[in-house]
Protein backbone atom coordinates (compact mmCIF):
# COMPACT_ATOMS: atom_id res chain seq x y z
CA MET A 1 78.69 68.65 176.59
CA GLU A 2 81.59 66.22 177.06
CA GLU A 3 84.72 66.85 174.67
CA LYS A 4 85.59 63.96 172.56
CA GLN A 5 89.02 62.60 172.45
CA GLU A 6 91.56 61.74 169.76
CA TRP A 7 92.31 58.11 169.16
CA THR A 8 94.60 55.98 167.18
CA CYS A 9 92.79 53.39 164.74
CA ALA A 10 94.70 50.11 164.02
CA CYS A 11 95.27 51.16 160.63
CA GLY A 12 97.28 54.20 161.88
CA GLN A 13 94.60 56.65 161.42
CA LYS A 14 94.13 59.42 164.23
CA ASN A 15 90.32 60.41 164.53
CA SER A 16 88.45 61.92 166.92
CA GLY A 17 84.41 60.29 166.08
CA ASN A 18 83.20 57.40 167.00
CA PHE A 19 84.38 55.83 163.66
CA CYS A 20 87.87 55.21 161.64
CA GLU A 21 87.92 57.87 158.77
CA MET A 22 90.13 55.81 156.84
CA CYS A 23 88.82 52.00 157.05
CA GLY A 24 85.36 52.68 158.97
CA LYS A 25 86.50 50.59 162.25
CA PRO A 26 84.65 51.71 165.21
CA ARG A 27 86.03 53.59 168.41
CA PRO A 28 87.33 50.95 171.18
CA GLU A 29 85.85 51.06 174.28
CA ALA A 30 87.36 52.24 177.39
CA GLN A 31 88.62 50.08 180.24
CA PRO A 32 86.07 49.97 183.02
CA ALA A 33 87.75 50.97 186.46
CA ASP A 34 87.11 47.85 188.20
CA GLY A 35 90.13 45.91 185.88
CA SER A 36 87.75 43.76 184.53
CA ASN A 37 88.35 42.51 181.18
CA HIS A 38 85.56 42.74 178.92
CA GLU A 39 87.52 42.50 176.07
CA ALA A 40 88.42 39.31 177.43
CA MET A 41 85.14 37.80 177.24
CA GLU A 42 83.89 39.55 174.09
CA ASN A 43 86.54 37.51 172.15
CA THR A 44 85.01 34.59 173.26
CA GLN A 45 82.02 35.72 171.19
CA PRO A 46 82.02 34.62 167.30
CA GLN A 47 83.62 37.07 165.36
CA PRO A 48 82.77 37.91 161.75
CA PRO A 49 85.50 37.65 159.02
CA VAL A 50 87.61 40.22 159.02
CA THR A 51 86.88 42.89 156.03
CA THR A 52 88.25 46.25 154.65
CA ALA A 53 86.63 49.62 155.19
CA MET A 54 85.88 49.79 151.04
CA GLU A 55 84.19 45.59 151.29
CA THR A 56 82.48 46.93 154.72
CA GLN A 57 80.72 49.87 152.83
CA ALA A 58 79.73 47.32 149.88
CA GLN A 59 78.03 45.08 151.74
CA PRO A 60 74.55 45.73 153.39
CA THR A 61 74.72 46.43 156.92
CA ALA A 62 73.38 43.64 159.25
CA GLN A 63 70.35 44.58 161.41
CA PRO A 64 69.24 43.06 164.50
CA ALA A 65 66.45 40.49 164.28
CA ASP A 66 63.57 42.69 166.44
CA SER A 67 64.56 46.01 164.37
CA VAL A 68 62.46 47.56 162.15
CA VAL A 69 63.84 49.31 158.97
CA THR A 70 62.30 52.18 157.75
CA PRO A 71 62.15 53.62 153.96
CA GLU A 72 64.27 56.47 154.81
CA GLN A 73 66.63 54.22 156.60
CA ALA A 74 66.79 51.84 153.55
CA ALA A 75 67.18 54.36 151.14
CA GLU A 76 70.15 56.17 152.96
CA ALA A 77 71.59 52.54 153.20
CA GLU A 78 71.06 52.11 149.31
CA LYS A 79 73.02 55.41 148.37
CA ALA A 80 75.55 54.66 150.63
CA ALA A 81 75.91 51.08 148.99
CA GLN A 82 75.68 52.68 145.77
CA ALA A 83 78.67 55.57 146.64
CA ALA A 84 80.83 52.53 147.50
CA MET A 85 80.48 50.80 144.76
CA GLU A 86 81.23 54.30 142.90
CA LEU A 87 84.38 54.75 144.79
CA GLN A 88 85.35 50.85 144.26
CA GLN A 89 85.37 51.47 140.47
CA GLN A 90 87.43 54.63 140.73
CA ALA A 91 90.18 53.18 142.79
CA GLN A 92 90.44 50.38 140.28
CA GLN A 93 90.64 53.09 137.25
CA MET A 94 93.35 55.19 139.42
CA PRO A 95 96.89 54.66 138.26
CA PRO A 96 98.94 52.52 141.12
CA LEU A 97 100.32 54.61 143.60
CA ASP A 98 103.62 55.30 144.46
CA ALA A 99 106.02 55.51 147.58
CA THR A 100 104.61 58.66 149.02
CA GLN A 101 100.98 58.11 147.72
CA SER A 102 100.41 54.78 149.18
CA MET A 103 97.68 54.32 152.05
CA PRO A 104 98.81 52.61 155.02
CA PRO A 105 98.27 49.02 155.34
CA VAL A 106 95.33 47.41 157.23
CA ARG A 107 96.04 45.76 160.65
CA GLU A 108 95.12 41.84 160.15
CA LEU A 109 93.11 41.18 163.23
CA ALA A 110 94.51 38.74 165.81
CA PRO A 111 92.75 35.24 165.66
CA MET A 112 89.57 34.28 167.89
CA PRO A 113 91.20 33.24 170.92
CA GLN A 114 89.71 29.78 172.03
CA GLN A 115 86.52 29.36 174.52
CA GLN A 116 88.32 29.30 177.93
CA PRO A 117 86.93 26.26 179.96
CA TRP A 118 84.55 28.36 182.46
CA GLN A 119 82.61 29.41 179.77
CA GLN A 120 81.34 25.91 178.61
CA GLY A 121 77.85 25.42 178.54
CA MET A 122 77.23 28.97 178.08
CA PRO A 123 75.10 29.94 175.05
CA GLN A 124 76.77 31.90 172.36
CA GLN A 125 74.95 34.91 170.95
CA PRO A 126 75.03 35.40 167.70
CA MET A 127 77.60 38.10 166.53
CA VAL A 128 75.79 41.24 165.42
CA GLN A 129 77.80 43.39 162.62
CA PRO A 130 77.38 46.97 164.48
CA GLN A 131 74.80 49.60 162.32
CA GLN A 132 77.71 52.05 160.74
CA PRO A 133 76.89 55.45 159.74
CA PRO A 134 76.84 55.85 155.92
CA TYR A 135 80.36 56.10 155.00
CA MET A 136 82.06 59.26 154.08
CA ALA A 137 84.66 59.27 151.72
CA PRO A 138 88.34 60.28 153.27
CA PRO A 139 90.34 63.16 151.71
CA PRO A 140 91.92 62.40 148.85
CA PRO A 141 95.68 62.25 149.09
CA PRO A 142 98.10 64.81 147.37
CA GLY A 143 97.80 64.79 143.86
CA TYR A 144 94.37 62.54 143.52
CA GLY A 145 91.06 63.59 142.84
CA TYR A 146 88.82 60.90 143.23
CA GLY A 147 85.40 60.55 144.78
CA PRO A 148 82.15 61.10 143.32
CA MET A 149 81.49 64.52 142.31
CA PRO A 150 78.87 65.99 144.26
CA PRO A 151 75.20 66.71 142.44
CA LYS A 152 75.33 70.28 140.76
CA LYS A 153 72.48 72.28 142.35
CA LYS A 154 70.30 73.68 139.84
CA HIS A 155 70.12 77.46 139.30
CA THR A 156 68.00 77.91 136.50
CA THR A 157 66.40 81.49 137.94
CA GLN A 158 69.25 82.58 138.84
CA ILE A 159 71.18 82.15 135.48
CA LEU A 160 68.10 83.41 133.72
CA ILE A 161 68.35 86.37 136.37
CA GLY A 162 72.23 86.73 135.65
CA ILE A 163 71.79 86.41 131.26
CA VAL A 164 68.92 89.36 131.71
CA VAL A 165 71.20 91.52 133.85
CA ALA A 166 73.85 91.37 131.05
CA LEU A 167 71.81 92.05 128.13
CA LEU A 168 70.80 95.00 130.41
CA ILE A 169 74.33 96.06 131.06
CA VAL A 170 75.12 95.54 127.08
CA ALA A 171 71.71 97.22 125.64
CA VAL A 172 73.06 100.13 128.15
CA GLY A 173 76.80 100.21 127.18
CA ALA A 174 75.87 100.17 123.54
CA PHE A 175 73.42 102.95 124.09
CA ALA A 176 75.88 105.33 125.62
CA TYR A 177 78.88 103.76 123.32
CA VAL A 178 75.95 105.22 120.38
CA ARG A 179 75.11 108.25 121.87
CA GLY A 180 79.10 108.96 123.14
CA ALA A 181 79.93 108.39 119.27
CA GLU A 182 77.00 110.88 117.74
CA ASP A 183 78.45 113.38 120.47
CA ARG A 184 81.76 112.83 119.12
CA TYR A 185 81.10 113.33 115.59
CA VAL A 186 78.99 116.59 116.48
CA ALA A 187 81.96 117.98 118.10
CA LYS A 188 84.33 116.97 115.23
CA CYS A 189 81.85 118.95 112.79
CA VAL A 190 81.88 121.50 114.93
CA LYS A 191 85.69 121.57 114.08
CA GLY A 192 85.25 121.40 110.68
CA GLU A 193 82.85 124.47 110.90
CA GLU A 194 85.76 126.19 111.84
CA VAL A 195 88.27 124.86 109.12
CA VAL A 196 85.66 125.84 106.11
CA THR A 197 84.98 129.17 107.84
CA GLU A 198 88.66 129.92 107.61
CA VAL A 199 88.72 128.78 104.06
CA GLN A 200 86.12 131.12 103.60
CA ASN A 201 87.64 134.27 104.92
CA LEU A 202 90.79 133.11 103.20
CA LEU A 203 88.72 133.35 99.38
CA LYS A 204 87.36 136.94 100.66
CA GLU A 205 90.66 138.03 100.33
CA THR A 206 90.52 137.99 96.60
CA LYS A 207 89.00 141.34 95.91
CA ASP A 208 92.04 142.72 98.09
CA LEU A 209 94.84 141.58 95.31
CA ASN A 210 96.01 144.17 92.89
CA GLY A 211 95.90 141.71 90.05
CA ASP A 212 99.56 141.12 90.03
CA PRO A 213 100.83 137.35 90.08
CA ASP A 214 104.40 138.92 91.01
CA ALA A 215 103.21 141.07 94.11
CA ASP A 216 104.51 139.58 97.63
CA ALA A 217 101.08 139.50 99.10
CA THR A 218 100.12 137.51 95.64
CA LYS A 219 102.96 135.22 96.58
CA ASP A 220 101.60 134.68 100.10
CA PHE A 221 98.07 134.51 99.39
CA VAL A 222 98.96 131.20 96.91
CA VAL A 223 100.82 129.58 100.05
CA ARG A 224 97.96 130.02 102.40
CA LEU A 225 95.44 128.59 99.60
CA ASP A 226 98.06 125.47 99.57
CA LYS A 227 97.59 125.17 103.52
CA ALA A 228 93.95 125.70 103.25
CA GLY A 229 93.64 122.87 100.71
CA GLU A 230 95.27 120.52 102.92
CA ASN A 231 93.25 121.06 105.86
CA LEU A 232 89.99 120.53 103.87
CA ASP A 233 91.91 117.18 102.81
CA LYS A 234 92.32 116.30 106.30
CA LEU A 235 88.88 117.48 107.77
CA ALA A 236 87.21 114.85 104.43
CA ARG A 237 89.56 112.04 105.61
CA ASP A 238 88.43 112.53 108.92
CA LEU A 239 84.55 112.30 108.20
CA LYS A 240 84.67 109.58 106.04
CA SER A 241 86.43 107.75 108.84
CA SER A 242 83.80 109.00 112.01
CA ARG A 243 81.28 106.59 113.27
CA THR A 244 78.15 108.37 112.88
CA GLY A 245 75.68 106.24 113.04
CA SER A 246 72.49 106.39 111.46
CA LYS A 247 71.10 109.70 112.60
CA TYR A 248 73.63 111.22 110.77
CA LYS A 249 75.14 109.01 108.20
CA ASP A 250 73.20 111.09 105.39
CA ALA A 251 74.24 114.58 106.61
CA ASN A 252 78.00 113.59 106.88
CA GLN A 253 77.85 111.68 102.94
CA LYS A 254 76.62 115.51 102.05
CA LEU A 255 79.29 117.33 104.49
CA VAL A 256 81.91 114.80 102.74
CA GLU A 257 80.76 116.32 98.69
CA ALA A 258 80.46 119.58 100.34
CA VAL A 259 84.13 119.68 101.71
CA GLN A 260 85.25 118.38 98.41
CA LEU A 261 83.63 120.76 96.17
CA GLU A 262 85.02 123.52 97.97
CA ARG A 263 88.37 121.68 98.12
CA SER A 264 87.96 122.41 93.86
CA LEU A 265 87.03 126.05 94.27
CA ILE A 266 90.31 126.35 96.20
CA ASP A 267 92.25 124.76 93.27
CA ASP A 268 90.34 126.52 90.86
CA THR A 269 91.16 129.84 92.69
CA LYS A 270 94.69 129.34 92.21
CA THR A 271 94.69 128.87 88.90
CA VAL A 272 93.26 132.28 88.06
CA VAL A 273 95.52 133.76 90.33
CA ASN A 274 98.96 132.38 89.25
CA GLN A 275 97.48 132.56 85.45
CA PRO A 276 94.77 135.60 85.26
CA LEU A 277 95.51 135.86 81.36
CA ASP A 278 95.44 132.09 80.27
CA LYS A 279 93.13 131.12 77.49
CA GLY A 280 91.13 128.52 79.53
CA THR A 281 90.95 131.35 82.52
CA ASP A 282 87.26 132.45 81.20
CA GLU A 283 86.40 128.35 81.61
CA VAL A 284 87.74 128.54 85.10
CA VAL A 285 85.60 131.45 86.13
CA LYS A 286 82.53 129.58 85.15
CA ARG A 287 83.07 126.57 86.48
CA VAL A 288 83.79 128.70 89.73
CA GLN A 289 80.17 130.09 89.51
CA ALA A 290 78.42 126.50 88.93
CA ASN A 291 80.56 125.42 91.81
CA THR A 292 79.21 128.11 93.81
CA LYS A 293 76.05 127.73 93.73
CA ASP A 294 76.06 123.83 94.20
CA LEU A 295 77.97 124.33 97.23
CA ALA A 296 75.25 126.61 98.71
CA GLU A 297 72.83 124.44 97.70
CA ARG A 298 74.63 121.15 99.34
CA ALA A 299 75.45 123.32 102.78
CA GLY A 300 71.74 124.32 103.12
CA GLU A 301 70.61 120.72 103.47
CA ILE A 302 73.03 120.04 106.36
CA GLN A 303 71.45 119.53 109.67
CA ILE A 304 73.74 119.22 112.33
CA PRO A 305 73.56 120.40 115.68
CA LYS A 306 75.58 123.02 116.71
CA THR A 307 76.93 123.94 113.26
CA ASP A 308 75.83 126.37 110.02
CA PHE A 309 77.54 124.97 107.37
CA ALA A 310 75.24 127.07 105.19
CA THR A 311 76.81 130.05 106.66
CA ALA A 312 80.22 128.96 106.39
CA MET A 313 80.11 127.44 103.12
CA GLN A 314 78.58 130.92 101.69
CA LEU A 315 81.16 131.73 98.83
CA SER A 316 78.46 133.69 95.80
CA ALA A 317 80.97 136.65 95.94
CA LEU A 318 84.22 134.61 94.84
CA PRO A 319 83.48 134.65 90.64
CA ASP A 320 83.34 138.44 90.84
CA ASP A 321 86.48 139.03 92.90
CA LEU A 322 87.75 136.46 90.09
CA LYS A 323 87.01 138.48 87.58
CA ALA A 324 87.71 141.60 89.41
CA TYR A 325 91.27 140.22 89.77
CA ILE A 326 91.76 139.54 86.22
CA ASN A 327 90.53 143.05 85.53
CA LYS A 328 93.12 144.34 87.57
CA LYS A 329 95.49 142.04 85.47
CA LYS A 330 94.68 143.33 82.67
CA ALA A 331 94.58 147.15 83.10
CA ILE A 332 97.95 146.46 84.51
CA GLU A 333 99.20 144.59 81.23
CA GLU A 334 97.85 147.47 79.30
CA GLN A 335 99.78 150.31 81.61
CA LYS A 336 102.69 147.99 81.23
CA ARG A 337 101.78 147.93 76.89
CA ILE A 338 101.42 151.56 77.00
CA GLU A 339 104.78 152.07 79.03
CA ALA A 340 106.33 149.71 76.89
CA GLU A 341 105.00 151.53 73.80
CA ARG A 342 106.46 154.81 75.41
CA ARG A 343 109.82 153.42 76.09
CA ALA A 344 110.40 151.97 72.83
CA ALA A 345 109.26 155.07 70.62
CA GLU A 346 111.77 156.93 72.99
CA ALA A 347 114.39 154.45 72.50
CA GLU A 348 113.17 154.44 68.52
CA ALA A 349 113.47 157.82 68.37
CA ALA A 350 116.85 158.40 70.13
CA ARG A 351 118.46 155.66 68.19
CA LYS A 352 117.20 157.29 64.58
CA GLN A 353 118.52 160.77 66.37
CA ALA A 354 121.82 159.00 66.86
CA ILE A 355 122.03 157.64 63.37
CA ARG A 356 121.44 161.23 62.26
CA ASP A 357 123.92 162.59 64.48
CA ARG A 358 126.61 159.96 63.16
CA GLN A 359 125.36 160.99 59.41
CA ALA A 360 125.62 164.31 60.21
CA ALA A 361 129.32 163.85 62.02
CA ARG A 362 129.98 161.87 58.82
CA ASN A 363 129.26 164.24 56.74
CA GLN A 364 130.90 167.48 58.22
CA ARG A 365 134.17 165.39 58.58
CA ILE A 366 133.76 164.96 54.41
CA ILE A 367 133.11 168.68 54.12
CA ASP A 368 135.77 169.39 56.51
CA ALA A 369 138.45 167.43 54.17
CA SER A 370 137.29 168.22 50.75
CA ASN A 371 138.39 170.61 48.13
CA GLY A 372 136.31 169.68 44.81
CA VAL A 373 132.66 168.81 44.82
CA GLU A 374 131.02 165.94 47.02
CA PHE A 375 127.69 164.42 47.00
CA LEU A 376 126.29 163.99 50.82
CA ALA A 377 123.22 161.85 51.67
CA THR A 378 120.91 163.05 53.98
CA SER A 379 118.15 160.13 53.62
CA VAL A 380 118.05 156.85 51.92
CA ARG A 381 114.78 154.78 51.58
CA ARG A 382 113.80 151.42 50.46
CA THR A 383 110.94 152.24 47.81
CA SER A 384 110.82 148.70 46.25
CA ALA A 385 112.58 145.56 46.84
CA ASN A 386 115.43 146.20 44.60
CA ARG A 387 115.02 150.47 44.52
CA LEU A 388 116.98 152.84 46.75
CA ASP A 389 115.69 156.80 46.85
CA ILE A 390 118.27 159.06 48.02
CA ASP A 391 117.76 162.53 49.29
CA GLY A 392 121.11 164.88 49.63
CA TYR A 393 122.92 167.70 48.69
CA PHE A 394 125.98 168.74 46.40
CA TYR A 395 128.74 170.52 48.53
CA ASN A 396 131.33 172.56 46.49
CA GLY A 397 134.64 172.24 48.52
CA SER A 398 136.47 174.54 45.58
CA TYR A 399 136.95 177.84 45.09
CA ASN A 400 135.11 178.19 41.84
CA SER A 401 131.31 178.51 40.95
CA ILE A 402 130.42 175.12 39.71
CA GLN A 403 127.98 174.47 36.74
CA LYS A 404 127.26 171.31 36.69
CA VAL A 405 128.63 167.46 37.36
CA SER A 406 128.68 165.30 34.61
CA SER A 407 129.29 161.82 36.48
CA MET A 408 130.36 160.28 39.60
CA THR A 409 130.22 156.90 41.41
CA LEU A 410 127.98 156.17 44.75
CA ASN A 411 129.06 153.73 46.93
CA ILE A 412 126.44 152.62 49.31
CA THR A 413 126.66 150.48 52.90
CA LEU A 414 123.35 149.49 54.74
CA TYR A 415 123.21 148.74 58.25
CA ASN A 416 120.22 147.22 60.63
CA ASN A 417 120.62 147.36 64.32
CA GLY A 418 124.65 148.21 63.52
CA ALA A 419 125.19 145.23 61.30
CA GLN A 420 126.00 145.58 57.80
CA VAL A 421 123.29 143.99 55.73
CA TYR A 422 124.36 145.45 52.24
CA SER A 423 126.60 147.16 50.18
CA ASP A 424 127.28 148.10 46.23
CA HIS A 425 128.01 151.13 44.35
CA PHE A 426 126.36 152.76 41.60
CA TYR A 427 127.69 154.80 38.51
CA PHE A 428 126.08 157.98 36.99
CA TYR A 429 126.83 159.49 33.84
CA ASN A 430 124.14 162.18 32.88
CA ASP A 431 124.92 165.61 33.68
CA MET A 432 123.22 167.12 36.59
CA TYR A 433 123.21 170.84 36.26
CA LEU A 434 123.77 172.73 39.40
CA GLY A 435 122.85 176.57 38.06
CA SER A 436 125.71 178.43 39.81
CA LEU A 437 126.94 176.65 42.96
CA SER A 438 129.17 179.15 44.79
CA PRO A 439 132.62 177.86 46.91
CA LYS A 440 131.23 176.39 50.08
CA GLY A 441 127.47 176.22 48.56
CA ARG A 442 125.11 173.45 48.90
CA GLN A 443 122.78 172.50 46.13
CA ASN A 444 120.06 169.76 46.81
CA GLN A 445 119.70 166.88 44.85
CA SER A 446 117.35 163.42 44.97
CA LEU A 447 118.48 160.51 43.37
CA TRP A 448 118.00 156.95 42.87
CA VAL A 449 119.40 153.57 42.10
CA THR A 450 118.18 150.31 41.36
CA THR A 451 120.07 146.98 42.09
CA ASN A 452 120.14 143.96 39.05
CA GLY A 453 117.85 141.44 40.56
CA GLN A 454 119.74 141.98 44.85
CA SER A 455 116.94 142.72 47.09
CA ILE A 456 117.17 144.88 49.28
CA PRO A 457 117.00 143.74 52.75
CA GLU A 458 115.82 145.98 55.58
CA PHE A 459 118.11 148.40 57.44
CA ASP A 460 117.62 151.32 59.95
CA GLU A 461 121.00 153.37 59.27
CA PHE A 462 123.24 153.88 55.76
CA GLU A 463 126.44 155.06 54.59
CA VAL A 464 126.98 156.88 51.05
CA ASN A 465 130.30 158.37 49.75
CA SER A 466 130.64 160.03 46.51
CA THR A 467 133.79 159.20 44.25
CA ASN A 468 135.20 160.36 41.03
CA VAL A 469 133.07 163.60 40.74
CA HIS A 470 133.28 165.15 37.20
CA TRP A 471 131.98 168.55 37.00
CA THR A 472 132.22 172.29 35.04
CA TYR A 473 133.36 175.46 36.27
CA TRP A 474 131.94 178.68 35.31
CA ARG A 475 133.73 180.73 32.64
CA ASN A 476 134.28 184.63 32.59
CA PHE A 477 134.42 185.53 29.24
């Protein structure tokens, strides 16, 4: 096969085919080997007017007189003419080219030479426009994209197949996503079961508490209750925000309600543990009893794979454990009360004994210093709002026997918890016969006094001193 040689058109375009790709001119024939000038002979023939490539394509192609044009050729020629007209219209609509985008100028053809003398009388052959193949638009220069768009191929079947495949992929992806969401939800419920199981084990420890809210074990239990409550709150939030799909929607709602109900049980348990003897404790225990039954019913309706919330939320023993805790607290308080009463009684006995010891010491000091007759009180009682009953004895500090006491004055001072609350003096003028009270002897005597409308307050200690005592000796005749 002969290799085509590259040639340069008059417009400056380098080509390898038989026609110029820029202006459409045919490739010039090569010079014969004999050196004859066929070009000169051809130039003597009449030449058609010079036209540009676009004009040439726009005009219909001339056919030889004896040639027959087939319908395929006619259709092809008409398509080429139509493409040339569209190309011309697009070129008119394009913006003007700048210096870098201008097309090379079309070289003007030399004028036809005059007929030579030796050619006189030769018949002139009509100029036949050479038939050119359909014009192919040259590639646009840089920066331009003119030219007719190639017709779009219709791929309806391929498009439909692609849509079906895309829909299948979306359906498979949606199914996989839903299935994955359900699996993730089940995994979350498995972890949630672990949380409620920990709460169950913690609430069971209520029965082991000793009933004392101030005990270290009880305080640690309350701290762990707070932590368990926070875990249940977090679990409820996670379940509310979970993507369950329609399969586990109802089960998730029941589970959230059950978790919230168990959270309220933790709060009620904490209330009872901190204040077991409060006025509202009995109502709290009744509420716990009702909520544990409700929780068991709700948990039994939860059907989620790999979980058993009916067992994990079983807290039916909690009300009895709380009652036992309250009873322990009552026993502790009763023991404290008994112990407190015992200590109070001992303290009161010790206090009264101290009062008696002080009173005895006071009387002894009076006896040691006396050389006459004295009345010494051993007991003072308030029998009414303004009366005091006094028990005591007369002491004879003299050296003679005493027959009677004619008169005396009693100074009474009362104390309560160490503070003085009353003080007054009373006069006695009636004879008080003592029989024969020998020296250093004692004679019991009970007295009573009344105030002049003044109320006598409560007291726990007294001090009684006798003054101005007048007595009568026994005389020996």
